[in-house]
Amino acid sequence: MDALRRASAPIFYFLGTLTILSIVLVQRDMFVRPLSLFLNVVDLPLLLAAMLYGGSTLVSSLGRGKTSMPLALTVFIPLILAFGFFAWLNFAMPFAEVL
């Protein structure tokens, strides 16, 4: 779990920082068209990175240094189901139109 946490942390922080900067720039009417496209695309990778980072951190902290398969399954199965629901929601019901 430690390797997964180390691998997903920089991706999560990088995508999160880019998302926040893009939102600020769109709110100031700068680069609206390309950043709107970026914001429509980056939501699922950011969500996946956040779930991997959060889930692996939770398993590492609750496992106290040992990796327990039942604990990992208990944490990651709801995260996989939630990600599947949000992916379905993203593709089945597009709320935002690309400009």
N, C-alpha and C. Protein backbone atom coordinates (compact mmCIF):
# COMPACT_ATOMS: atom_id res chain seq x y z
N MET A 1 0.81 -1.19 0.00
CA MET A 1 0.00 0.00 0.00
C MET A 1 0.86 1.27 0.00
N ASP A 2 2.05 1.15 0.55
CA ASP A 2 2.90 2.33 0.64
C ASP A 2 3.35 2.79 -0.75
N ALA A 3 3.61 1.83 -1.64
CA ALA A 3 4.02 2.19 -3.01
C ALA A 3 2.87 2.85 -3.76
N LEU A 4 1.64 2.37 -3.55
CA LEU A 4 0.48 2.98 -4.18
C LEU A 4 0.26 4.40 -3.67
N ARG A 5 0.45 4.58 -2.38
CA ARG A 5 0.29 5.91 -1.80
C ARG A 5 1.34 6.87 -2.33
N ARG A 6 2.59 6.40 -2.42
CA ARG A 6 3.66 7.25 -2.95
C ARG A 6 3.49 7.58 -4.42
N ALA A 7 2.91 6.65 -5.17
CA ALA A 7 2.72 6.88 -6.61
C ALA A 7 1.52 7.80 -6.88
N SER A 8 0.46 7.68 -6.09
CA SER A 8 -0.74 8.46 -6.36
C SER A 8 -0.70 9.86 -5.75
N ALA A 9 0.12 10.09 -4.75
CA ALA A 9 0.18 11.41 -4.11
C ALA A 9 0.62 12.52 -5.06
N PRO A 10 1.74 12.38 -5.79
CA PRO A 10 2.13 13.47 -6.69
C PRO A 10 1.12 13.70 -7.82
N ILE A 11 0.50 12.63 -8.30
CA ILE A 11 -0.50 12.78 -9.35
C ILE A 11 -1.70 13.55 -8.82
N PHE A 12 -2.13 13.21 -7.60
CA PHE A 12 -3.26 13.91 -6.99
C PHE A 12 -2.96 15.38 -6.78
N TYR A 13 -1.80 15.69 -6.22
CA TYR A 13 -1.46 17.10 -5.97
C TYR A 13 -1.27 17.88 -7.27
N PHE A 14 -0.67 17.26 -8.28
CA PHE A 14 -0.47 17.92 -9.56
C PHE A 14 -1.80 18.23 -10.24
N LEU A 15 -2.68 17.22 -10.34
CA LEU A 15 -3.97 17.45 -10.98
C LEU A 15 -4.85 18.40 -10.18
N GLY A 16 -4.77 18.31 -8.86
CA GLY A 16 -5.54 19.23 -8.02
C GLY A 16 -5.10 20.67 -8.18
N THR A 17 -3.80 20.89 -8.23
CA THR A 17 -3.26 22.24 -8.43
C THR A 17 -3.66 22.78 -9.79
N LEU A 18 -3.53 21.96 -10.83
CA LEU A 18 -3.94 22.40 -12.17
C LEU A 18 -5.43 22.72 -12.23
N THR A 19 -6.24 21.93 -11.55
CA THR A 19 -7.68 22.17 -11.55
C THR A 19 -8.01 23.48 -10.86
N ILE A 20 -7.41 23.75 -9.72
CA ILE A 20 -7.67 25.00 -9.00
C ILE A 20 -7.22 26.20 -9.82
N LEU A 21 -6.04 26.12 -10.42
CA LEU A 21 -5.56 27.22 -11.26
C LEU A 21 -6.46 27.43 -12.47
N SER A 22 -6.94 26.35 -13.06
CA SER A 22 -7.84 26.47 -14.21
C SER A 22 -9.16 27.12 -13.83
N ILE A 23 -9.69 26.75 -12.68
CA ILE A 23 -10.95 27.35 -12.23
C ILE A 23 -10.77 28.84 -11.99
N VAL A 24 -9.67 29.23 -11.39
CA VAL A 24 -9.40 30.65 -11.14
C VAL A 24 -9.29 31.40 -12.47
N LEU A 25 -8.58 30.85 -13.43
CA LEU A 25 -8.42 31.52 -14.72
C LEU A 25 -9.74 31.60 -15.49
N VAL A 26 -10.56 30.57 -15.43
CA VAL A 26 -11.86 30.62 -16.10
C VAL A 26 -12.75 31.66 -15.45
N GLN A 27 -12.69 31.77 -14.14
CA GLN A 27 -13.50 32.77 -13.44
C GLN A 27 -13.08 34.19 -13.81
N ARG A 28 -11.84 34.36 -14.19
CA ARG A 28 -11.33 35.68 -14.59
C ARG A 28 -11.40 35.88 -16.11
N ASP A 29 -12.13 34.99 -16.80
CA ASP A 29 -12.32 35.04 -18.25
C ASP A 29 -11.02 35.01 -19.03
N MET A 30 -10.11 34.19 -18.61
CA MET A 30 -8.84 34.00 -19.31
C MET A 30 -8.76 32.55 -19.80
N PHE A 31 -8.46 32.36 -21.07
CA PHE A 31 -8.31 31.04 -21.67
C PHE A 31 -9.53 30.16 -21.42
N VAL A 32 -10.70 30.72 -21.59
CA VAL A 32 -11.93 30.01 -21.21
C VAL A 32 -12.14 28.75 -22.04
N ARG A 33 -11.97 28.81 -23.33
CA ARG A 33 -12.26 27.64 -24.17
C ARG A 33 -11.34 26.45 -23.89
N PRO A 34 -10.01 26.62 -23.91
CA PRO A 34 -9.17 25.43 -23.65
C PRO A 34 -9.28 24.94 -22.20
N LEU A 35 -9.44 25.86 -21.27
CA LEU A 35 -9.54 25.42 -19.88
C LEU A 35 -10.88 24.77 -19.58
N SER A 36 -11.93 25.18 -20.27
CA SER A 36 -13.22 24.49 -20.09
C SER A 36 -13.12 23.05 -20.57
N LEU A 37 -12.45 22.85 -21.68
CA LEU A 37 -12.23 21.49 -22.16
C LEU A 37 -11.38 20.70 -21.16
N PHE A 38 -10.34 21.32 -20.63
CA PHE A 38 -9.48 20.66 -19.63
C PHE A 38 -10.30 20.29 -18.38
N LEU A 39 -11.15 21.20 -17.92
CA LEU A 39 -11.94 20.92 -16.72
C LEU A 39 -12.97 19.82 -16.96
N ASN A 40 -13.45 19.69 -18.19
CA ASN A 40 -14.38 18.59 -18.49
C ASN A 40 -13.67 17.24 -18.54
N VAL A 41 -12.38 17.25 -18.86
CA VAL A 41 -11.63 16.00 -19.01
C VAL A 41 -10.98 15.56 -17.70
N VAL A 42 -10.53 16.50 -16.88
CA VAL A 42 -9.68 16.16 -15.74
C VAL A 42 -10.45 15.67 -14.51
N ASP A 43 -11.76 15.73 -14.52
CA ASP A 43 -12.50 15.38 -13.31
C ASP A 43 -12.35 13.92 -12.90
N LEU A 44 -12.44 13.00 -13.84
CA LEU A 44 -12.30 11.58 -13.49
C LEU A 44 -10.88 11.18 -13.12
N PRO A 45 -9.84 11.63 -13.82
CA PRO A 45 -8.48 11.30 -13.35
C PRO A 45 -8.18 11.86 -11.96
N LEU A 46 -8.67 13.07 -11.69
CA LEU A 46 -8.47 13.64 -10.35
C LEU A 46 -9.21 12.83 -9.30
N LEU A 47 -10.43 12.42 -9.61
CA LEU A 47 -11.19 11.60 -8.67
C LEU A 47 -10.51 10.26 -8.43
N LEU A 48 -10.01 9.63 -9.49
CA LEU A 48 -9.31 8.35 -9.33
C LEU A 48 -8.05 8.51 -8.49
N ALA A 49 -7.27 9.55 -8.75
CA ALA A 49 -6.05 9.77 -7.97
C ALA A 49 -6.39 10.06 -6.51
N ALA A 50 -7.46 10.82 -6.27
CA ALA A 50 -7.86 11.11 -4.89
C ALA A 50 -8.32 9.86 -4.16
N MET A 51 -9.06 9.01 -4.85
CA MET A 51 -9.53 7.78 -4.21
C MET A 51 -8.38 6.81 -3.95
N LEU A 52 -7.45 6.70 -4.88
CA LEU A 52 -6.29 5.83 -4.65
C LEU A 52 -5.43 6.35 -3.50
N TYR A 53 -5.18 7.64 -3.49
CA TYR A 53 -4.35 8.23 -2.44
C TYR A 53 -5.05 8.13 -1.08
N GLY A 54 -6.31 8.49 -1.03
CA GLY A 54 -7.05 8.44 0.24
C GLY A 54 -7.24 7.02 0.74
N GLY A 55 -7.57 6.10 -0.16
CA GLY A 55 -7.78 4.71 0.24
C GLY A 55 -6.50 4.05 0.71
N SER A 56 -5.40 4.29 0.00
CA SER A 56 -4.13 3.68 0.41
C SER A 56 -3.62 4.29 1.72
N THR A 57 -3.85 5.57 1.91
CA THR A 57 -3.47 6.20 3.18
C THR A 57 -4.30 5.65 4.34
N LEU A 58 -5.59 5.45 4.10
CA LEU A 58 -6.46 4.90 5.14
C LEU A 58 -6.06 3.47 5.50
N VAL A 59 -5.78 2.65 4.50
CA VAL A 59 -5.37 1.27 4.77
C VAL A 59 -4.03 1.24 5.50
N SER A 60 -3.10 2.10 5.10
CA SER A 60 -1.79 2.15 5.76
C SER A 60 -1.91 2.60 7.21
N SER A 61 -2.77 3.58 7.46
CA SER A 61 -2.88 4.08 8.84
C SER A 61 -3.67 3.12 9.73
N LEU A 62 -4.67 2.45 9.20
CA LEU A 62 -5.43 1.51 10.01
C LEU A 62 -4.72 0.17 10.18
N GLY A 63 -3.87 -0.18 9.22
CA GLY A 63 -3.16 -1.46 9.29
C GLY A 63 -1.96 -1.45 10.20
N ARG A 64 -1.52 -0.28 10.63
CA ARG A 64 -0.37 -0.13 11.54
C ARG A 64 0.86 -0.83 11.00
N GLY A 65 1.18 -0.59 9.75
CA GLY A 65 2.39 -1.14 9.18
C GLY A 65 2.23 -2.48 8.50
N LYS A 66 1.16 -3.19 8.78
CA LYS A 66 0.92 -4.49 8.14
C LYS A 66 -0.18 -4.33 7.09
N THR A 67 -0.03 -5.03 5.98
CA THR A 67 -1.05 -4.99 4.95
C THR A 67 -2.02 -6.14 5.18
N SER A 68 -3.27 -5.80 5.40
CA SER A 68 -4.32 -6.78 5.64
C SER A 68 -5.25 -6.81 4.43
N MET A 69 -5.39 -7.97 3.82
CA MET A 69 -6.24 -8.08 2.62
C MET A 69 -7.71 -7.79 2.93
N PRO A 70 -8.29 -8.28 4.04
CA PRO A 70 -9.69 -7.93 4.32
C PRO A 70 -9.88 -6.43 4.54
N LEU A 71 -8.92 -5.79 5.19
CA LEU A 71 -9.02 -4.35 5.39
C LEU A 71 -8.92 -3.61 4.06
N ALA A 72 -8.01 -4.03 3.21
CA ALA A 72 -7.86 -3.39 1.90
C ALA A 72 -9.12 -3.57 1.06
N LEU A 73 -9.69 -4.76 1.09
CA LEU A 73 -10.94 -4.98 0.35
C LEU A 73 -12.09 -4.17 0.91
N THR A 74 -12.15 -4.05 2.25
CA THR A 74 -13.20 -3.27 2.89
C THR A 74 -13.11 -1.80 2.50
N VAL A 75 -11.92 -1.30 2.29
CA VAL A 75 -11.75 0.10 1.91
C VAL A 75 -11.92 0.30 0.42
N PHE A 76 -11.32 -0.56 -0.39
CA PHE A 76 -11.28 -0.30 -1.83
C PHE A 76 -12.53 -0.72 -2.59
N ILE A 77 -13.29 -1.68 -2.12
CA ILE A 77 -14.51 -2.06 -2.83
C ILE A 77 -15.53 -0.91 -2.86
N PRO A 78 -15.81 -0.23 -1.72
CA PRO A 78 -16.70 0.93 -1.82
C PRO A 78 -16.13 2.06 -2.68
N LEU A 79 -14.79 2.23 -2.66
CA LEU A 79 -14.19 3.26 -3.51
C LEU A 79 -14.34 2.92 -4.99
N ILE A 80 -14.19 1.65 -5.34
CA ILE A 80 -14.36 1.23 -6.74
C ILE A 80 -15.82 1.42 -7.17
N LEU A 81 -16.75 1.07 -6.30
CA LEU A 81 -18.16 1.27 -6.62
C LEU A 81 -18.49 2.75 -6.77
N ALA A 82 -17.96 3.58 -5.89
CA ALA A 82 -18.20 5.02 -5.99
C ALA A 82 -17.60 5.60 -7.26
N PHE A 83 -16.39 5.16 -7.62
CA PHE A 83 -15.77 5.63 -8.86
C PHE A 83 -16.59 5.20 -10.07
N GLY A 84 -17.06 3.97 -10.06
CA GLY A 84 -17.91 3.50 -11.16
C GLY A 84 -19.18 4.31 -11.28
N PHE A 85 -19.80 4.65 -10.14
CA PHE A 85 -21.00 5.48 -10.17
C PHE A 85 -20.71 6.86 -10.74
N PHE A 86 -19.61 7.48 -10.30
CA PHE A 86 -19.29 8.81 -10.80
C PHE A 86 -18.87 8.80 -12.26
N ALA A 87 -18.23 7.72 -12.71
CA ALA A 87 -17.90 7.60 -14.13
C ALA A 87 -19.18 7.46 -14.96
N TRP A 88 -20.11 6.64 -14.48
CA TRP A 88 -21.39 6.51 -15.16
C TRP A 88 -22.12 7.85 -15.19
N LEU A 89 -22.11 8.54 -14.08
CA LEU A 89 -22.77 9.84 -14.00
C LEU A 89 -22.13 10.84 -14.96
N ASN A 90 -20.82 10.77 -15.10
CA ASN A 90 -20.09 11.68 -15.97
C ASN A 90 -20.42 11.42 -17.44
N PHE A 91 -20.52 10.17 -17.83
CA PHE A 91 -20.74 9.85 -19.24
C PHE A 91 -22.22 9.74 -19.60
N ALA A 92 -23.04 9.31 -18.69
CA ALA A 92 -24.46 9.12 -19.00
C ALA A 92 -25.25 10.42 -18.92
N MET A 93 -24.83 11.31 -18.05
CA MET A 93 -25.56 12.56 -17.84
C MET A 93 -24.59 13.73 -17.91
N PRO A 94 -24.20 14.16 -19.09
CA PRO A 94 -23.26 15.29 -19.18
C PRO A 94 -23.95 16.60 -18.80
N PHE A 95 -23.52 17.18 -17.71
CA PHE A 95 -24.13 18.41 -17.22
C PHE A 95 -23.52 19.65 -17.85
N ALA A 96 -22.24 19.59 -18.16
CA ALA A 96 -21.55 20.76 -18.70
C ALA A 96 -21.27 20.54 -20.18
N GLU A 97 -21.57 21.53 -20.96
CA GLU A 97 -21.27 21.47 -22.38
C GLU A 97 -19.94 22.12 -22.65
N VAL A 98 -19.22 21.56 -23.59
CA VAL A 98 -17.95 22.14 -23.99
C VAL A 98 -18.26 23.33 -24.88
N LEU A 99 -17.62 24.45 -24.57
CA LEU A 99 -17.89 25.68 -25.35
C LEU A 99 -17.35 25.59 -26.75
